[in-house]
Amino acid sequence: MGLFDLGDGERGDANTAARRKPVQSPLTLIMTIRSAEDFEALNARIQEIQSAPPEQNPIWIALDKLKIVHFARFVFLENNTKLAIITTYDGSFDDYLNEFIDEIGDIFNVLLQHMEGAPPLPVQRNRSQFREYVKANDLGGIEPFYSAYPRATVLDIQAALGEI
């Protein structure tokens, strides 16, 4: 069986790929932390936010309100010298970023004050610089992006589960 053999004698083609192109998009934002002191302050703030119950966590509240984010997490990398924000979201990058700025721009303002090469703050008044910073620090991925449910948005999934 060849790499593009679908197992039933069919070969993968552009139409198959187009049908499988997910409505979701990945973001792997990797930011460099300025110093060990900045890591300590940043870690304390993230732990404070993330330890709050979901109904009091400003990130969870915003994500629940937006209804476009499938998954989101923070990860410290490389001996705590980098912070990764890893998400999977529905829609366009620009719409996603604008909605994030509108809903939790202040969280980004807190995080970015500890990052090398951060855009001017607040992000709410410096949208284009923030957009360029995120684009420059997004690792992207090796295409194609796999999704077990390529045509389902967060709203589709919540509706199917009877949650909305």
Protein backbone atom coordinates (compact mmCIF):
# COMPACT_ATOMS: atom_id res chain seq x y z
CA MET A 1 0.00 0.00 0.00
CA GLY A 2 1.53 3.34 -1.06
CA LEU A 3 1.61 6.47 1.03
CA PHE A 4 -1.44 7.89 -0.74
CA ASP A 5 -3.33 4.63 -1.24
CA LEU A 6 -6.57 4.91 0.73
CA GLY A 7 -6.78 1.14 1.18
CA ASP A 8 -9.63 0.58 -1.25
CA GLY A 9 -7.69 1.12 -4.45
CA GLU A 10 -8.44 4.87 -4.46
CA ARG A 11 -5.66 7.37 -4.42
CA GLY A 12 -5.78 10.55 -2.39
CA ASP A 13 -6.41 13.61 -4.54
CA ALA A 14 -7.14 17.31 -4.24
CA ASN A 15 -10.88 16.70 -3.79
CA THR A 16 -10.27 14.32 -0.89
CA ALA A 17 -7.88 16.81 0.68
CA ALA A 18 -10.38 19.65 0.25
CA ARG A 19 -13.14 17.62 1.94
CA ARG A 20 -10.79 16.87 4.84
CA LYS A 21 -9.50 20.45 5.27
CA PRO A 22 -10.58 21.26 8.79
CA VAL A 23 -12.54 24.32 9.83
CA GLN A 24 -10.23 24.37 12.85
CA SER A 25 -6.81 26.02 12.84
CA PRO A 26 -3.84 25.47 15.15
CA LEU A 27 -1.78 28.11 16.94
CA THR A 28 1.49 27.31 18.67
CA LEU A 29 2.67 30.65 20.02
CA ILE A 30 6.19 30.43 21.51
CA MET A 31 7.37 33.51 23.41
CA THR A 32 10.78 34.06 24.98
CA ILE A 33 10.71 35.10 28.64
CA ARG A 34 13.04 38.01 29.45
CA SER A 35 14.70 36.69 32.61
CA ALA A 36 14.50 34.24 35.50
CA GLU A 37 12.78 36.96 37.52
CA ASP A 38 10.24 37.44 34.76
CA PHE A 39 9.62 33.69 34.71
CA GLU A 40 8.94 33.72 38.47
CA ALA A 41 6.46 36.59 38.17
CA LEU A 42 4.84 35.11 35.07
CA ASN A 43 4.55 31.64 36.57
CA ALA A 44 3.00 33.03 39.75
CA ARG A 45 0.43 35.00 37.74
CA ILE A 46 -0.45 32.08 35.44
CA GLN A 47 -0.76 29.71 38.42
CA GLU A 48 -3.05 32.22 40.16
CA ILE A 49 -5.30 32.52 37.10
CA GLN A 50 -5.33 28.80 36.31
CA SER A 51 -6.01 27.73 39.91
CA ALA A 52 -9.25 29.73 40.00
CA PRO A 53 -12.45 27.72 39.52
CA PRO A 54 -13.63 27.80 35.89
CA GLU A 55 -16.45 30.24 36.68
CA GLN A 56 -13.87 32.70 38.11
CA ASN A 57 -10.99 32.08 35.70
CA PRO A 58 -10.95 35.01 33.22
CA ILE A 59 -9.42 32.84 30.50
CA TRP A 60 -12.05 30.09 30.82
CA ILE A 61 -14.84 32.69 31.02
CA ALA A 62 -13.61 34.35 27.80
CA LEU A 63 -13.12 31.03 25.98
CA ASP A 64 -16.61 29.87 26.96
CA LYS A 65 -18.03 33.18 25.73
CA LEU A 66 -16.15 33.11 22.41
CA LYS A 67 -17.26 29.57 21.49
CA ILE A 68 -14.50 29.21 18.87
CA VAL A 69 -11.68 27.57 20.85
CA HIS A 70 -11.53 23.78 20.99
CA PHE A 71 -8.45 23.49 23.19
CA ALA A 72 -6.04 25.88 24.90
CA ARG A 73 -3.08 25.40 27.20
CA PHE A 74 0.04 27.04 28.58
CA VAL A 75 3.36 25.19 28.59
CA PHE A 76 6.73 26.39 29.86
CA LEU A 77 9.57 25.19 27.61
CA GLU A 78 13.37 25.08 27.51
CA ASN A 79 14.11 25.30 31.23
CA ASN A 80 11.40 27.90 31.76
CA THR A 81 12.85 30.36 29.23
CA LYS A 82 9.86 30.19 26.88
CA LEU A 83 6.10 30.17 27.25
CA ALA A 84 3.95 28.33 24.72
CA ILE A 85 0.28 29.08 24.24
CA ILE A 86 -1.16 26.21 22.22
CA THR A 87 -4.70 26.44 20.89
CA THR A 88 -7.00 25.04 18.25
CA TYR A 89 -9.71 27.43 17.09
CA ASP A 90 -12.44 27.89 14.47
CA GLY A 91 -12.35 30.53 11.79
CA SER A 92 -9.74 32.91 10.50
CA PHE A 93 -6.60 33.95 12.32
CA ASP A 94 -7.57 37.64 12.23
CA ASP A 95 -11.06 37.02 13.63
CA TYR A 96 -9.62 34.77 16.34
CA LEU A 97 -7.00 37.32 17.35
CA ASN A 98 -9.45 40.23 17.38
CA GLU A 99 -11.91 38.30 19.52
CA PHE A 100 -9.12 37.37 21.92
CA ILE A 101 -7.99 41.00 22.18
CA ASP A 102 -11.57 42.09 22.84
CA GLU A 103 -12.24 39.45 25.49
CA ILE A 104 -8.91 38.88 27.25
CA GLY A 105 -6.55 41.55 26.00
CA ASP A 106 -5.67 42.39 29.59
CA ILE A 107 -4.38 38.84 30.13
CA PHE A 108 -2.07 39.28 27.14
CA ASN A 109 -0.95 42.62 28.55
CA VAL A 110 0.09 40.84 31.76
CA LEU A 111 1.89 38.02 29.90
CA LEU A 112 3.63 40.19 27.33
CA GLN A 113 5.24 42.51 29.84
CA HIS A 114 7.56 39.58 30.64
CA MET A 115 8.47 38.72 27.02
CA GLU A 116 11.39 39.65 24.81
CA GLY A 117 10.42 41.57 21.71
CA ALA A 118 6.85 42.07 22.88
CA PRO A 119 4.66 44.47 20.90
CA PRO A 120 3.66 47.80 22.40
CA LEU A 121 1.05 47.50 25.14
CA PRO A 122 -1.83 47.55 25.64
CA VAL A 123 -2.68 45.12 22.86
CA GLN A 124 -6.14 46.68 22.62
CA ARG A 125 -4.56 49.85 21.17
CA ASN A 126 -1.81 48.08 19.22
CA ARG A 127 -3.70 45.37 17.36
CA SER A 128 -1.59 45.29 14.22
CA GLN A 129 1.68 45.08 16.16
CA PHE A 130 0.23 42.32 18.35
CA ARG A 131 -0.97 40.47 15.24
CA GLU A 132 2.50 40.66 13.70
CA TYR A 133 4.12 39.50 16.97
CA VAL A 134 1.83 36.47 17.17
CA LYS A 135 2.39 35.61 13.50
CA ALA A 136 6.17 35.92 13.92
CA ASN A 137 6.16 33.67 17.01
CA ASP A 138 3.68 31.03 15.81
CA LEU A 139 5.51 27.80 15.01
CA GLY A 140 2.82 26.77 12.58
CA GLY A 141 2.93 23.11 11.71
CA ILE A 142 3.64 20.56 9.05
CA GLU A 143 0.57 20.38 6.84
CA PRO A 144 -1.93 18.91 6.73
CA PHE A 145 -3.44 19.62 10.13
CA TYR A 146 -5.34 16.51 11.26
CA SER A 147 -8.77 16.76 12.80
CA ALA A 148 -10.98 13.83 13.82
CA TYR A 149 -13.98 16.04 13.01
CA PRO A 150 -12.79 18.37 10.22
CA ARG A 151 -16.13 20.04 9.48
CA ALA A 152 -17.34 20.52 13.09
CA THR A 153 -17.00 23.83 14.89
CA VAL A 154 -17.15 24.27 18.65
CA LEU A 155 -20.81 25.28 18.27
CA ASP A 156 -21.54 22.15 16.21
CA ILE A 157 -19.99 19.91 18.85
CA GLN A 158 -21.73 21.67 21.74
CA ALA A 159 -25.08 21.42 19.92
CA ALA A 160 -24.55 17.71 19.24
CA LEU A 161 -23.82 17.19 22.94
CA GLY A 162 -26.91 19.18 23.95
CA GLU A 163 -24.79 21.86 25.67
CA ILE A 164 -26.31 24.83 23.86
